[in-house]
Protein backbone atom coordinates (compact mmCIF):
# COMPACT_ATOMS: atom_id res chain seq x y z
CA MET A 1 273.04 17.30 185.96
CA GLN A 2 270.33 19.18 187.85
CA GLU A 3 270.20 18.52 191.57
CA ASN A 4 266.75 17.54 192.76
CA LYS A 5 266.21 19.18 196.16
CA LEU A 6 262.86 19.38 197.87
CA ASP A 7 261.96 22.07 200.40
CA SER A 8 260.36 19.98 203.15
CA SER A 9 258.87 22.95 205.00
CA ARG A 10 257.25 24.32 201.85
CA ILE A 11 255.84 20.91 200.95
CA ALA A 12 254.42 20.46 204.48
CA VAL A 13 252.70 23.86 204.34
CA GLU A 14 251.27 23.18 200.88
CA VAL A 15 250.00 19.71 201.84
CA ASN A 16 248.30 21.16 204.91
CA ALA A 17 246.71 23.92 202.84
CA ILE A 18 245.34 21.32 200.42
CA ALA A 19 243.97 19.26 203.32
CA VAL A 20 242.18 22.27 204.81
CA ALA A 21 240.76 23.26 201.42
CA LEU A 22 239.53 19.71 200.80
CA SER A 23 237.99 19.46 204.26
CA LYS A 24 235.82 22.50 203.53
CA GLN A 25 234.43 20.80 200.42
CA LEU A 26 233.85 17.30 201.84
CA SER A 27 231.48 15.84 204.38
CA VAL A 28 232.93 14.18 207.48
CA ASP A 29 232.31 10.75 205.93
CA GLU A 30 234.06 11.81 202.71
CA GLN A 31 236.97 13.22 204.72
CA ASN A 32 237.33 9.89 206.53
CA ILE A 33 237.20 7.90 203.29
CA LEU A 34 239.70 10.13 201.48
CA GLY A 35 242.00 10.24 204.51
CA ASN A 36 242.04 6.46 204.76
CA ILE A 37 242.68 6.08 201.03
CA LEU A 38 245.58 8.54 201.14
CA ALA A 39 247.02 6.91 204.27
CA ALA A 40 246.88 3.47 202.64
CA MET A 41 248.45 4.84 199.47
CA GLY A 42 251.23 6.47 201.50
CA ALA A 43 251.97 3.25 203.35
CA THR A 44 252.13 1.33 200.08
CA LEU A 45 254.46 3.90 198.50
CA LEU A 46 256.75 3.75 201.55
CA THR A 47 256.84 -0.05 201.37
CA ILE A 48 257.70 0.02 197.65
CA ALA A 49 260.41 2.65 198.21
CA ALA A 50 261.95 0.65 201.08
CA ILE A 51 262.09 -2.52 198.98
CA GLU A 52 263.58 -0.68 196.00
CA GLN A 53 266.18 1.01 198.21
CA THR A 54 267.14 -2.32 199.77
CA ASN A 55 267.44 -3.95 196.34
CA LYS A 56 269.60 -1.07 195.07
CA GLU A 57 271.87 -1.21 198.11
CA GLN A 58 272.26 -4.98 197.73
CA ALA A 59 273.07 -4.59 194.03
CA ASP A 60 275.59 -1.83 194.80
CA THR A 61 277.25 -3.99 197.47
CA ALA A 62 277.38 -6.96 195.09
CA ALA A 63 278.91 -4.79 192.38
CA GLN A 64 281.55 -3.43 194.78
CA THR A 65 282.36 -6.94 196.00
CA SER A 66 282.74 -8.27 192.46
CA THR A 67 285.13 -5.44 191.56
CA GLY A 68 287.08 -5.75 194.78
CA LYS A 69 286.01 -2.36 196.12
CA ALA A 70 284.07 -3.53 199.17
CA GLU A 71 284.84 -1.63 202.37
């Protein structure tokens, strides 16, 4: 099984480079619109991930309890 590790520093640098490149191609209004869209999308993704993580943890706890392996 391949381990999926992300290099957070590399991702941060690449995201910033993309943002700078985009800003040079967009007007200030377009930058504001795109920034708000991406911020809203990020917030939605974080909400979905939090709910999924909570559901998984609850399912894992329930499974451990039903097998008698709860800590």
